[in-house]
Amino acid sequence: MTDSTDTSLHERVDEIINLIRPAIQSDGGDLELVEVSEDGEVRVRLHGACVTCPSRSMTLRMGIERNLKQRIPEITHVAQVP
């Protein structure tokens, strides 16, 4: 069971991901929020062109993780899941 704090954090992460999504989609990919853990780890799944893109780790770190950490201080790490 999640409390309101967890839900709030998840919702805030989801809002930021929805702001980032159009840039990723413009390159033929997409991004799915899978989970936000209590310790601030965000797990995402990449889709489309992102799956095989050689720059996906750079997108994950410099695009997604950087944006989330700047806007939501509780975020500690972003990880890709299969």
PDB file of N, CA and C in Angstrom:
ATOM      1  N   MET A   1       0.842  -1.183   0.000  1.00  0.00           N
ATOM      2  CA  MET A   1       0.000   0.000   0.000  1.00  0.00           C
ATOM      3  C   MET A   1       0.882   1.239   0.000  1.00  0.00           C
ATOM      4  N   THR A   2       0.565   2.220  -0.828  1.00  0.00           N
ATOM      5  CA  THR A   2       1.339   3.451  -0.879  1.00  0.00           C
ATOM      6  C   THR A   2       0.606   4.541  -0.130  1.00  0.00           C
ATOM      7  N   ASP A   3       1.370   5.409   0.546  1.00  0.00           N
ATOM      8  CA  ASP A   3       0.725   6.526   1.217  1.00  0.00           C
ATOM      9  C   ASP A   3       0.691   7.722   0.283  1.00  0.00           C
ATOM     10  N   SER A   4       0.096   8.820   0.739  1.00  0.00           N
ATOM     11  CA  SER A   4      -0.084   9.985  -0.125  1.00  0.00           C
ATOM     12  C   SER A   4       1.234  10.592  -0.567  1.00  0.00           C
ATOM     13  N   THR A   5       2.295  10.456   0.271  1.00  0.00           N
ATOM     14  CA  THR A   5       3.596  11.005  -0.102  1.00  0.00           C
ATOM     15  C   THR A   5       4.154  10.262  -1.320  1.00  0.00           C
ATOM     16  N   ASP A   6       4.055   8.926  -1.307  1.00  0.00           N
ATOM     17  CA  ASP A   6       4.526   8.138  -2.439  1.00  0.00           C
ATOM     18  C   ASP A   6       3.740   8.489  -3.703  1.00  0.00           C
ATOM     19  N   THR A   7       2.452   8.594  -3.589  1.00  0.00           N
ATOM     20  CA  THR A   7       1.606   8.927  -4.724  1.00  0.00           C
ATOM     21  C   THR A   7       1.976  10.295  -5.262  1.00  0.00           C
ATOM     22  N   SER A   8       2.198  11.242  -4.381  1.00  0.00           N
ATOM     23  CA  SER A   8       2.562  12.593  -4.785  1.00  0.00           C
ATOM     24  C   SER A   8       3.884  12.592  -5.545  1.00  0.00           C
ATOM     25  N   LEU A   9       4.871  11.864  -5.047  1.00  0.00           N
ATOM     26  CA  LEU A   9       6.164  11.796  -5.723  1.00  0.00           C
ATOM     27  C   LEU A   9       6.002  11.148  -7.093  1.00  0.00           C
ATOM     28  N   HIS A  10       5.254  10.068  -7.160  1.00  0.00           N
ATOM     29  CA  HIS A  10       5.020   9.382  -8.428  1.00  0.00           C
ATOM     30  C   HIS A  10       4.328  10.320  -9.419  1.00  0.00           C
ATOM     31  N   GLU A  11       3.341  11.051  -8.945  1.00  0.00           N
ATOM     32  CA  GLU A  11       2.623  11.981  -9.826  1.00  0.00           C
ATOM     33  C   GLU A  11       3.532  13.092 -10.327  1.00  0.00           C
ATOM     34  N   ARG A  12       4.399  13.605  -9.456  1.00  0.00           N
ATOM     35  CA  ARG A  12       5.312  14.670  -9.879  1.00  0.00           C
ATOM     36  C   ARG A  12       6.305  14.165 -10.912  1.00  0.00           C
ATOM     37  N   VAL A  13       6.814  12.945 -10.719  1.00  0.00           N
ATOM     38  CA  VAL A  13       7.732  12.344 -11.695  1.00  0.00           C
ATOM     39  C   VAL A  13       7.005  12.139 -13.017  1.00  0.00           C
ATOM     40  N   ASP A  14       5.791  11.654 -12.951  1.00  0.00           N
ATOM     41  CA  ASP A  14       4.998  11.421 -14.165  1.00  0.00           C
ATOM     42  C   ASP A  14       4.779  12.726 -14.934  1.00  0.00           C
ATOM     43  N   GLU A  15       4.536  13.818 -14.230  1.00  0.00           N
ATOM     44  CA  GLU A  15       4.357  15.116 -14.887  1.00  0.00           C
ATOM     45  C   GLU A  15       5.612  15.538 -15.640  1.00  0.00           C
ATOM     46  N   ILE A  16       6.780  15.365 -15.029  1.00  0.00           N
ATOM     47  CA  ILE A  16       8.040  15.744 -15.674  1.00  0.00           C
ATOM     48  C   ILE A  16       8.295  14.847 -16.878  1.00  0.00           C
ATOM     49  N   ILE A  17       8.043  13.563 -16.734  1.00  0.00           N
ATOM     50  CA  ILE A  17       8.236  12.639 -17.853  1.00  0.00           C
ATOM     51  C   ILE A  17       7.323  13.020 -19.014  1.00  0.00           C
ATOM     52  N   ASN A  18       6.116  13.454 -18.720  1.00  0.00           N
ATOM     53  CA  ASN A  18       5.214  13.885 -19.789  1.00  0.00           C
ATOM     54  C   ASN A  18       5.717  15.139 -20.490  1.00  0.00           C
ATOM     55  N   LEU A  19       6.499  15.967 -19.800  1.00  0.00           N
ATOM     56  CA  LEU A  19       7.117  17.136 -20.434  1.00  0.00           C
ATOM     57  C   LEU A  19       8.293  16.731 -21.323  1.00  0.00           C
ATOM     58  N   ILE A  20       9.011  15.691 -20.927  1.00  0.00           N
ATOM     59  CA  ILE A  20      10.186  15.202 -21.663  1.00  0.00           C
ATOM     60  C   ILE A  20       9.775  14.359 -22.874  1.00  0.00           C
ATOM     61  N   ARG A  21       8.683  13.646 -22.734  1.00  0.00           N
ATOM     62  CA  ARG A  21       8.231  12.669 -23.736  1.00  0.00           C
ATOM     63  C   ARG A  21       8.204  13.182 -25.178  1.00  0.00           C
ATOM     64  N   PRO A  22       7.684  14.402 -25.460  1.00  0.00           N
ATOM     65  CA  PRO A  22       7.636  14.851 -26.860  1.00  0.00           C
ATOM     66  C   PRO A  22       9.013  14.904 -27.538  1.00  0.00           C
ATOM     67  N   ALA A  23      10.043  15.279 -26.815  1.00  0.00           N
ATOM     68  CA  ALA A  23      11.391  15.309 -27.400  1.00  0.00           C
ATOM     69  C   ALA A  23      11.858  13.903 -27.759  1.00  0.00           C
ATOM     70  N   ILE A  24      11.551  12.937 -26.918  1.00  0.00           N
ATOM     71  CA  ILE A  24      11.932  11.551 -27.182  1.00  0.00           C
ATOM     72  C   ILE A  24      11.109  10.990 -28.339  1.00  0.00           C
ATOM     73  N   GLN A  25       9.823  11.312 -28.361  1.00  0.00           N
ATOM     74  CA  GLN A  25       8.959  10.834 -29.437  1.00  0.00           C
ATOM     75  C   GLN A  25       9.355  11.433 -30.783  1.00  0.00           C
ATOM     76  N   SER A  26       9.884  12.632 -30.780  1.00  0.00           N
ATOM     77  CA  SER A  26      10.276  13.258 -32.051  1.00  0.00           C
ATOM     78  C   SER A  26      11.431  12.515 -32.718  1.00  0.00           C
ATOM     79  N   ASP A  27      12.154  11.708 -31.942  1.00  0.00           N
ATOM     80  CA  ASP A  27      13.232  10.892 -32.495  1.00  0.00           C
ATOM     81  C   ASP A  27      12.807   9.443 -32.706  1.00  0.00           C
ATOM     82  N   GLY A  28      11.504   9.167 -32.598  1.00  0.00           N
ATOM     83  CA  GLY A  28      10.998   7.828 -32.864  1.00  0.00           C
ATOM     84  C   GLY A  28      10.944   6.908 -31.665  1.00  0.00           C
ATOM     85  N   GLY A  29      11.184   7.438 -30.475  1.00  0.00           N
ATOM     86  CA  GLY A  29      11.154   6.612 -29.277  1.00  0.00           C
ATOM     87  C   GLY A  29      10.006   6.978 -28.369  1.00  0.00           C
ATOM     88  N   ASP A  30      10.010   6.385 -27.201  1.00  0.00           N
ATOM     89  CA  ASP A  30       9.034   6.738 -26.179  1.00  0.00           C
ATOM     90  C   ASP A  30       9.575   6.285 -24.833  1.00  0.00           C
ATOM     91  N   LEU A  31       8.888   6.720 -23.789  1.00  0.00           N
ATOM     92  CA  LEU A  31       9.352   6.543 -22.425  1.00  0.00           C
ATOM     93  C   LEU A  31       8.157   6.181 -21.555  1.00  0.00           C
ATOM     94  N   GLU A  32       8.310   5.166 -20.734  1.00  0.00           N
ATOM     95  CA  GLU A  32       7.237   4.723 -19.836  1.00  0.00           C
ATOM     96  C   GLU A  32       7.749   4.751 -18.402  1.00  0.00           C
ATOM     97  N   LEU A  33       7.012   5.389 -17.511  1.00  0.00           N
ATOM     98  CA  LEU A  33       7.351   5.369 -16.089  1.00  0.00           C
ATOM     99  C   LEU A  33       6.869   4.050 -15.514  1.00  0.00           C
ATOM    100  N   VAL A  34       7.799   3.285 -14.947  1.00  0.00           N
ATOM    101  CA  VAL A  34       7.463   1.983 -14.396  1.00  0.00           C
ATOM    102  C   VAL A  34       7.254   2.072 -12.889  1.00  0.00           C
ATOM    103  N   GLU A  35       8.180   2.753 -12.201  1.00  0.00           N
ATOM    104  CA  GLU A  35       8.111   2.779 -10.738  1.00  0.00           C
ATOM    105  C   GLU A  35       8.939   3.930 -10.194  1.00  0.00           C
ATOM    106  N   VAL A  36       8.507   4.434  -9.048  1.00  0.00           N
ATOM    107  CA  VAL A  36       9.296   5.381  -8.263  1.00  0.00           C
ATOM    108  C   VAL A  36       9.404   4.767  -6.874  1.00  0.00           C
ATOM    109  N   SER A  37      10.636   4.428  -6.460  1.00  0.00           N
ATOM    110  CA  SER A  37      10.817   3.774  -5.166  1.00  0.00           C
ATOM    111  C   SER A  37      10.840   4.793  -4.037  1.00  0.00           C
ATOM    112  N   GLU A  38      10.704   4.302  -2.834  1.00  0.00           N
ATOM    113  CA  GLU A  38      10.715   5.162  -1.651  1.00  0.00           C
ATOM    114  C   GLU A  38      12.041   5.898  -1.482  1.00  0.00           C
ATOM    115  N   ASP A  39      13.128   5.298  -1.965  1.00  0.00           N
ATOM    116  CA  ASP A  39      14.445   5.940  -1.816  1.00  0.00           C
ATOM    117  C   ASP A  39      14.769   6.885  -2.983  1.00  0.00           C
ATOM    118  N   GLY A  40      13.790   7.166  -3.839  1.00  0.00           N
ATOM    119  CA  GLY A  40      13.965   8.148  -4.900  1.00  0.00           C
ATOM    120  C   GLY A  40      14.500   7.623  -6.212  1.00  0.00           C
ATOM    121  N   GLU A  41      14.545   6.305  -6.365  1.00  0.00           N
ATOM    122  CA  GLU A  41      14.975   5.740  -7.643  1.00  0.00           C
ATOM    123  C   GLU A  41      13.778   5.664  -8.587  1.00  0.00           C
ATOM    124  N   VAL A  42      13.982   6.161  -9.802  1.00  0.00           N
ATOM    125  CA  VAL A  42      12.947   6.127 -10.837  1.00  0.00           C
ATOM    126  C   VAL A  42      13.333   5.040 -11.830  1.00  0.00           C
ATOM    127  N   ARG A  43      12.382   4.170 -12.132  1.00  0.00           N
ATOM    128  CA  ARG A  43      12.602   3.113 -13.120  1.00  0.00           C
ATOM    129  C   ARG A  43      11.733   3.407 -14.326  1.00  0.00           C
ATOM    130  N   VAL A  44      12.376   3.418 -15.487  1.00  0.00           N
ATOM    131  CA  VAL A  44      11.680   3.712 -16.732  1.00  0.00           C
ATOM    132  C   VAL A  44      11.942   2.618 -17.751  1.00  0.00           C
ATOM    133  N   ARG A  45      11.046   2.507 -18.706  1.00  0.00           N
ATOM    134  CA  ARG A  45      11.214   1.574 -19.823  1.00  0.00           C
ATOM    135  C   ARG A  45      11.217   2.411 -21.099  1.00  0.00           C
ATOM    136  N   LEU A  46      12.224   2.178 -21.923  1.00  0.00           N
ATOM    137  CA  LEU A  46      12.326   2.871 -23.199  1.00  0.00           C
ATOM    138  C   LEU A  46      11.658   2.030 -24.284  1.00  0.00           C
ATOM    139  N   HIS A  47      11.058   2.707 -25.245  1.00  0.00           N
ATOM    140  CA  HIS A  47      10.347   2.029 -26.339  1.00  0.00           C
ATOM    141  C   HIS A  47      10.799   2.591 -27.688  1.00  0.00           C
ATOM    142  N   GLY A  48      10.415   1.898 -28.741  1.00  0.00           N
ATOM    143  CA  GLY A  48      10.671   2.372 -30.099  1.00  0.00           C
ATOM    144  C   GLY A  48      12.149   2.480 -30.417  1.00  0.00           C
ATOM    145  N   ALA A  49      12.511   3.567 -31.073  1.00  0.00           N
ATOM    146  CA  ALA A  49      13.893   3.764 -31.504  1.00  0.00           C
ATOM    147  C   ALA A  49      14.866   3.826 -30.332  1.00  0.00           C
ATOM    148  N   CYS A  50      14.378   4.173 -29.144  1.00  0.00           N
ATOM    149  CA  CYS A  50      15.252   4.273 -27.967  1.00  0.00           C
ATOM    150  C   CYS A  50      15.858   2.919 -27.574  1.00  0.00           C
ATOM    151  N   VAL A  51      15.157   1.854 -27.874  1.00  0.00           N
ATOM    152  CA  VAL A  51      15.602   0.529 -27.458  1.00  0.00           C
ATOM    153  C   VAL A  51      16.957   0.179 -28.065  1.00  0.00           C
ATOM    154  N   THR A  52      17.174   0.535 -29.318  1.00  0.00           N
ATOM    155  CA  THR A  52      18.428   0.174 -29.991  1.00  0.00           C
ATOM    156  C   THR A  52      19.359   1.361 -30.214  1.00  0.00           C
ATOM    157  N   CYS A  53      18.975   2.538 -29.740  1.00  0.00           N
ATOM    158  CA  CYS A  53      19.765   3.746 -29.975  1.00  0.00           C
ATOM    159  C   CYS A  53      21.080   3.696 -29.194  1.00  0.00           C
ATOM    160  N   PRO A  54      22.204   3.960 -29.857  1.00  0.00           N
ATOM    161  CA  PRO A  54      23.488   3.963 -29.156  1.00  0.00           C
ATOM    162  C   PRO A  54      23.618   5.108 -28.147  1.00  0.00           C
ATOM    163  N   SER A  55      22.763   6.110 -28.236  1.00  0.00           N
ATOM    164  CA  SER A  55      22.817   7.253 -27.311  1.00  0.00           C
ATOM    165  C   SER A  55      21.828   7.127 -26.159  1.00  0.00           C
ATOM    166  N   ARG A  56      21.231   5.965 -25.981  1.00  0.00           N
ATOM    167  CA  ARG A  56      20.192   5.830 -24.964  1.00  0.00           C
ATOM    168  C   ARG A  56      20.711   6.065 -23.547  1.00  0.00           C
ATOM    169  N   SER A  57      21.944   5.670 -23.249  1.00  0.00           N
ATOM    170  CA  SER A  57      22.466   5.922 -21.899  1.00  0.00           C
ATOM    171  C   SER A  57      22.676   7.418 -21.668  1.00  0.00           C
ATOM    172  N   MET A  58      23.068   8.143 -22.703  1.00  0.00           N
ATOM    173  CA  MET A  58      23.227   9.596 -22.596  1.00  0.00           C
ATOM    174  C   MET A  58      21.855  10.254 -22.414  1.00  0.00           C
ATOM    175  N   THR A  59      20.859   9.790 -23.144  1.00  0.00           N
ATOM    176  CA  THR A  59      19.502  10.312 -22.987  1.00  0.00           C
ATOM    177  C   THR A  59      18.998  10.048 -21.576  1.00  0.00           C
ATOM    178  N   LEU A  60      19.268   8.866 -21.071  1.00  0.00           N
ATOM    179  CA  LEU A  60      18.828   8.488 -19.732  1.00  0.00           C
ATOM    180  C   LEU A  60      19.460   9.394 -18.676  1.00  0.00           C
ATOM    181  N   ARG A  61      20.776   9.602 -18.768  1.00  0.00           N
ATOM    182  CA  ARG A  61      21.496  10.390 -17.748  1.00  0.00           C
ATOM    183  C   ARG A  61      21.329  11.904 -17.929  1.00  0.00           C
ATOM    184  N   MET A  62      21.645  12.386 -19.117  1.00  0.00           N
ATOM    185  CA  MET A  62      21.691  13.830 -19.336  1.00  0.00           C
ATOM    186  C   MET A  62      20.320  14.431 -19.640  1.00  0.00           C
ATOM    187  N   GLY A  63      19.416  13.637 -20.123  1.00  0.00           N
ATOM    188  CA  GLY A  63      18.087  14.154 -20.435  1.00  0.00           C
ATOM    189  C   GLY A  63      17.099  13.872 -19.326  1.00  0.00           C
ATOM    190  N   ILE A  64      16.827  12.609 -19.098  1.00  0.00           N
ATOM    191  CA  ILE A  64      15.779  12.217 -18.168  1.00  0.00           C
ATOM    192  C   ILE A  64      16.207  12.428 -16.714  1.00  0.00           C
ATOM    193  N   GLU A  65      17.337  11.830 -16.329  1.00  0.00           N
ATOM    194  CA  GLU A  65      17.772  11.925 -14.930  1.00  0.00           C
ATOM    195  C   GLU A  65      18.066  13.374 -14.521  1.00  0.00           C
ATOM    196  N   ARG A  66      18.759  14.103 -15.356  1.00  0.00           N
ATOM    197  CA  ARG A  66      19.095  15.491 -15.027  1.00  0.00           C
ATOM    198  C   ARG A  66      17.830  16.339 -14.835  1.00  0.00           C
ATOM    199  N   ASN A  67      16.882  16.206 -15.742  1.00  0.00           N
ATOM    200  CA  ASN A  67      15.623  16.950 -15.628  1.00  0.00           C
ATOM    201  C   ASN A  67      14.861  16.596 -14.351  1.00  0.00           C
ATOM    202  N   LEU A  68      14.779  15.325 -14.050  1.00  0.00           N
ATOM    203  CA  LEU A  68      14.056  14.914 -12.852  1.00  0.00           C
ATOM    204  C   LEU A  68      14.746  15.412 -11.584  1.00  0.00           C
ATOM    205  N   LYS A  69      16.059  15.277 -11.504  1.00  0.00           N
ATOM    206  CA  LYS A  69      16.788  15.716 -10.308  1.00  0.00           C
ATOM    207  C   LYS A  69      16.708  17.233 -10.115  1.00  0.00           C
ATOM    208  N   GLN A  70      16.739  17.981 -11.206  1.00  0.00           N
ATOM    209  CA  GLN A  70      16.646  19.439 -11.103  1.00  0.00           C
ATOM    210  C   GLN A  70      15.287  19.877 -10.581  1.00  0.00           C
ATOM    211  N   ARG A  71      14.249  19.180 -10.972  1.00  0.00           N
ATOM    212  CA  ARG A  71      12.889  19.603 -10.627  1.00  0.00           C
ATOM    213  C   ARG A  71      12.331  18.923  -9.386  1.00  0.00           C
ATOM    214  N   ILE A  72      12.877  17.752  -9.051  1.00  0.00           N
ATOM    215  CA  ILE A  72      12.386  16.992  -7.895  1.00  0.00           C
ATOM    216  C   ILE A  72      13.602  16.529  -7.087  1.00  0.00           C
ATOM    217  N   PRO A  73      13.965  17.263  -6.045  1.00  0.00           N
ATOM    218  CA  PRO A  73      15.179  16.959  -5.273  1.00  0.00           C
ATOM    219  C   PRO A  73      15.209  15.566  -4.643  1.00  0.00           C
ATOM    220  N   GLU A  74      14.050  14.959  -4.435  1.00  0.00           N
ATOM    221  CA  GLU A  74      14.004  13.626  -3.825  1.00  0.00           C
ATOM    222  C   GLU A  74      14.523  12.535  -4.748  1.00  0.00           C
ATOM    223  N   ILE A  75      14.621  12.809  -6.032  1.00  0.00           N
ATOM    224  CA  ILE A  75      15.067  11.801  -6.993  1.00  0.00           C
ATOM    225  C   ILE A  75      16.574  11.599  -6.851  1.00  0.00           C
ATOM    226  N   THR A  76      16.983  10.341  -6.712  1.00  0.00           N
ATOM    227  CA  THR A  76      18.392  10.004  -6.519  1.00  0.00           C
ATOM    228  C   THR A  76      19.027   9.358  -7.745  1.00  0.00           C
ATOM    229  N   HIS A  77      18.219   8.665  -8.549  1.00  0.00           N
ATOM    230  CA  HIS A  77      18.781   7.878  -9.647  1.00  0.00           C
ATOM    231  C   HIS A  77      17.656   7.507 -10.613  1.00  0.00           C
ATOM    232  N   VAL A  78      18.011   7.361 -11.879  1.00  0.00           N
ATOM    233  CA  VAL A  78      17.071   6.861 -12.888  1.00  0.00           C
ATOM    234  C   VAL A  78      17.680   5.611 -13.505  1.00  0.00           C
ATOM    235  N   ALA A  79      16.918   4.541 -13.534  1.00  0.00           N
ATOM    236  CA  ALA A  79      17.383   3.277 -14.097  1.00  0.00           C
ATOM    237  C   ALA A  79      16.437   2.811 -15.186  1.00  0.00           C
ATOM    238  N   GLN A  80      17.018   2.184 -16.202  1.00  0.00           N
ATOM    239  CA  GLN A  80      16.242   1.604 -17.294  1.00  0.00           C
ATOM    240  C   GLN A  80      15.928   0.151 -16.952  1.00  0.00           C
ATOM    241  N   VAL A  81      14.690  -0.251 -17.178  1.00  0.00           N
ATOM    242  CA  VAL A  81      14.303  -1.645 -16.995  1.00  0.00           C
ATOM    243  C   VAL A  81      13.882  -2.217 -18.349  1.00  0.00           C
ATOM    244  N   PRO A  82      14.070  -3.528 -18.531  1.00  0.00           N
ATOM    245  CA  PRO A  82      13.672  -4.143 -19.805  1.00  0.00           C
ATOM    246  C   PRO A  82      12.173  -4.215 -19.985  1.00  0.00           C
TER     247      PRO A  82
END
